[in-house]
Amino acid sequence: MLGAFRASLVAHGGLLWQTPYRMSQTRKANVRKRLQAVDEVIRVLSETGVQCKALERAKELPKESEMAPRDKYSVFSRKHEGYRKSVHKVPKFTKSPVPRTSPPGF
């Protein structure tokens, strides 16, 4: 289209692809729900008697109720100021396993 109503790069940018600065309460609740679901799977598998190295490592991790908010909602990042990055700014954080422990000292 020509004229005043043509599509431009500015018109296609906008707020759609910008990530918010802070996590909303809904996103935090969804993170907690996912962590609790993983805890439930670990609990059920350990009760059924399944044995594997990954399950043994998963049993050693803290549960969602034992984790500090800092570990629930942020991950370690060498490149960011303060070495922490909000979990909603990690690409595909819902699909990748979020580490439940930080490196010593962070």
C-alpha atoms as a PDB file:
ATOM      1  CA  MET A   1       0.000   0.000   0.000  1.00  0.00           C
ATOM      2  CA  LEU A   2       1.093   3.529  -0.619  1.00  0.00           C
ATOM      3  CA  GLY A   3       0.577   6.665   1.347  1.00  0.00           C
ATOM      4  CA  ALA A   4      -0.035   7.278   5.038  1.00  0.00           C
ATOM      5  CA  PHE A   5      -1.370   3.777   5.773  1.00  0.00           C
ATOM      6  CA  ARG A   6       1.490   1.704   4.403  1.00  0.00           C
ATOM      7  CA  ALA A   7       3.163  -0.883   6.593  1.00  0.00           C
ATOM      8  CA  SER A   8       6.529   0.197   7.884  1.00  0.00           C
ATOM      9  CA  LEU A   9       9.146  -1.376  10.116  1.00  0.00           C
ATOM     10  CA  VAL A  10       8.180   0.968  12.947  1.00  0.00           C
ATOM     11  CA  ALA A  11       4.560  -0.077  12.698  1.00  0.00           C
ATOM     12  CA  HIS A  12       5.514  -3.765  12.865  1.00  0.00           C
ATOM     13  CA  GLY A  13       7.886  -3.358  15.839  1.00  0.00           C
ATOM     14  CA  GLY A  14       5.875  -2.000  18.727  1.00  0.00           C
ATOM     15  CA  LEU A  15       5.285  -3.604  22.096  1.00  0.00           C
ATOM     16  CA  LEU A  16       4.518  -7.038  20.731  1.00  0.00           C
ATOM     17  CA  TRP A  17       8.050  -8.432  20.914  1.00  0.00           C
ATOM     18  CA  GLN A  18       9.305  -6.540  23.934  1.00  0.00           C
ATOM     19  CA  THR A  19       9.741  -8.501  27.150  1.00  0.00           C
ATOM     20  CA  PRO A  20       8.556  -6.818  30.343  1.00  0.00           C
ATOM     21  CA  TYR A  21      11.150  -5.673  32.859  1.00  0.00           C
ATOM     22  CA  ARG A  22       9.645  -7.659  35.743  1.00  0.00           C
ATOM     23  CA  MET A  23       7.804 -10.934  35.916  1.00  0.00           C
ATOM     24  CA  SER A  24       4.077 -10.643  36.476  1.00  0.00           C
ATOM     25  CA  GLN A  25       2.367 -12.496  39.315  1.00  0.00           C
ATOM     26  CA  THR A  26       0.809 -14.862  36.772  1.00  0.00           C
ATOM     27  CA  ARG A  27       4.180 -15.803  35.298  1.00  0.00           C
ATOM     28  CA  LYS A  28       5.611 -16.365  38.774  1.00  0.00           C
ATOM     29  CA  ALA A  29       2.660 -18.602  39.649  1.00  0.00           C
ATOM     30  CA  ASN A  30       3.196 -20.594  36.451  1.00  0.00           C
ATOM     31  CA  VAL A  31       6.894 -21.057  37.283  1.00  0.00           C
ATOM     32  CA  ARG A  32       5.971 -22.340  40.753  1.00  0.00           C
ATOM     33  CA  LYS A  33       3.370 -24.655  39.246  1.00  0.00           C
ATOM     34  CA  ARG A  34       5.922 -26.114  36.815  1.00  0.00           C
ATOM     35  CA  LEU A  35       8.469 -26.657  39.592  1.00  0.00           C
ATOM     36  CA  GLN A  36       5.817 -28.381  41.728  1.00  0.00           C
ATOM     37  CA  ALA A  37       4.842 -30.591  38.790  1.00  0.00           C
ATOM     38  CA  VAL A  38       8.470 -31.673  38.379  1.00  0.00           C
ATOM     39  CA  ASP A  39       8.664 -32.399  42.122  1.00  0.00           C
ATOM     40  CA  GLU A  40       5.555 -34.561  41.815  1.00  0.00           C
ATOM     41  CA  VAL A  41       7.032 -36.551  38.908  1.00  0.00           C
ATOM     42  CA  ILE A  42      10.246 -37.128  40.862  1.00  0.00           C
ATOM     43  CA  ARG A  43       8.240 -38.262  43.880  1.00  0.00           C
ATOM     44  CA  VAL A  44       6.081 -40.697  41.882  1.00  0.00           C
ATOM     45  CA  LEU A  45       9.064 -42.178  40.031  1.00  0.00           C
ATOM     46  CA  SER A  46      11.031 -42.685  43.224  1.00  0.00           C
ATOM     47  CA  GLU A  47       8.038 -44.478  44.821  1.00  0.00           C
ATOM     48  CA  THR A  48       7.614 -46.854  41.871  1.00  0.00           C
ATOM     49  CA  GLY A  49      11.190 -48.094  42.167  1.00  0.00           C
ATOM     50  CA  VAL A  50      12.591 -46.747  38.890  1.00  0.00           C
ATOM     51  CA  GLN A  51      16.362 -46.414  39.067  1.00  0.00           C
ATOM     52  CA  CYS A  52      18.499 -44.242  36.825  1.00  0.00           C
ATOM     53  CA  LYS A  53      21.314 -41.755  37.218  1.00  0.00           C
ATOM     54  CA  ALA A  54      19.181 -38.745  36.235  1.00  0.00           C
ATOM     55  CA  LEU A  55      16.565 -39.593  38.857  1.00  0.00           C
ATOM     56  CA  GLU A  56      19.221 -39.939  41.543  1.00  0.00           C
ATOM     57  CA  ARG A  57      20.581 -36.482  40.647  1.00  0.00           C
ATOM     58  CA  ALA A  58      17.049 -35.056  40.624  1.00  0.00           C
ATOM     59  CA  LYS A  59      16.391 -36.363  44.146  1.00  0.00           C
ATOM     60  CA  GLU A  60      19.331 -34.325  45.428  1.00  0.00           C
ATOM     61  CA  LEU A  61      17.907 -31.033  44.108  1.00  0.00           C
ATOM     62  CA  PRO A  62      15.874 -28.844  46.481  1.00  0.00           C
ATOM     63  CA  LYS A  63      12.085 -28.940  46.193  1.00  0.00           C
ATOM     64  CA  GLU A  64      10.104 -25.883  45.131  1.00  0.00           C
ATOM     65  CA  SER A  65       9.113 -25.144  48.738  1.00  0.00           C
ATOM     66  CA  GLU A  66      12.779 -25.249  49.826  1.00  0.00           C
ATOM     67  CA  MET A  67      14.050 -22.920  47.092  1.00  0.00           C
ATOM     68  CA  ALA A  68      14.733 -19.243  47.672  1.00  0.00           C
ATOM     69  CA  PRO A  69      12.796 -16.800  45.468  1.00  0.00           C
ATOM     70  CA  ARG A  70      16.098 -15.705  43.943  1.00  0.00           C
ATOM     71  CA  ASP A  71      16.655 -19.246  42.620  1.00  0.00           C
ATOM     72  CA  LYS A  72      13.039 -19.729  41.489  1.00  0.00           C
ATOM     73  CA  TYR A  73      12.741 -16.637  39.344  1.00  0.00           C
ATOM     74  CA  SER A  74      16.289 -15.992  38.141  1.00  0.00           C
ATOM     75  CA  VAL A  75      19.216 -17.947  36.743  1.00  0.00           C
ATOM     76  CA  PHE A  76      22.971 -17.440  36.811  1.00  0.00           C
ATOM     77  CA  SER A  77      24.350 -15.483  33.854  1.00  0.00           C
ATOM     78  CA  ARG A  78      27.982 -14.439  33.448  1.00  0.00           C
ATOM     79  CA  LYS A  79      27.110 -11.633  31.055  1.00  0.00           C
ATOM     80  CA  HIS A  80      24.582  -9.739  33.154  1.00  0.00           C
ATOM     81  CA  GLU A  81      25.144  -7.209  35.892  1.00  0.00           C
ATOM     82  CA  GLY A  82      24.944  -8.931  39.249  1.00  0.00           C
ATOM     83  CA  TYR A  83      25.357 -12.286  37.451  1.00  0.00           C
ATOM     84  CA  ARG A  84      21.612 -12.961  37.615  1.00  0.00           C
ATOM     85  CA  LYS A  85      19.075 -12.997  34.776  1.00  0.00           C
ATOM     86  CA  SER A  86      15.319 -13.137  35.184  1.00  0.00           C
ATOM     87  CA  VAL A  87      13.988 -16.505  34.109  1.00  0.00           C
ATOM     88  CA  HIS A  88      11.408 -15.000  31.730  1.00  0.00           C
ATOM     89  CA  LYS A  89      14.213 -13.476  29.649  1.00  0.00           C
ATOM     90  CA  VAL A  90      15.802 -16.887  29.033  1.00  0.00           C
ATOM     91  CA  PRO A  91      14.740 -18.236  25.630  1.00  0.00           C
ATOM     92  CA  LYS A  92      12.380 -21.208  25.956  1.00  0.00           C
ATOM     93  CA  PHE A  93      12.673 -21.274  29.744  1.00  0.00           C
ATOM     94  CA  THR A  94       9.461 -23.295  29.964  1.00  0.00           C
ATOM     95  CA  LYS A  95      10.982 -26.116  27.907  1.00  0.00           C
ATOM     96  CA  SER A  96      14.517 -26.185  29.256  1.00  0.00           C
ATOM     97  CA  PRO A  97      15.227 -27.426  32.764  1.00  0.00           C
ATOM     98  CA  VAL A  98      15.841 -24.444  34.996  1.00  0.00           C
ATOM     99  CA  PRO A  99      18.771 -25.180  37.303  1.00  0.00           C
ATOM    100  CA  ARG A 100      17.577 -25.191  40.882  1.00  0.00           C
ATOM    101  CA  THR A 101      20.959 -24.384  42.356  1.00  0.00           C
ATOM    102  CA  SER A 102      23.345 -21.524  41.698  1.00  0.00           C
ATOM    103  CA  PRO A 103      27.130 -21.731  41.519  1.00  0.00           C
ATOM    104  CA  PRO A 104      28.766 -21.275  44.935  1.00  0.00           C
ATOM    105  CA  GLY A 105      28.938 -17.586  45.826  1.00  0.00           C
ATOM    106  CA  PHE A 106      26.126 -16.466  43.518  1.00  0.00           C
END
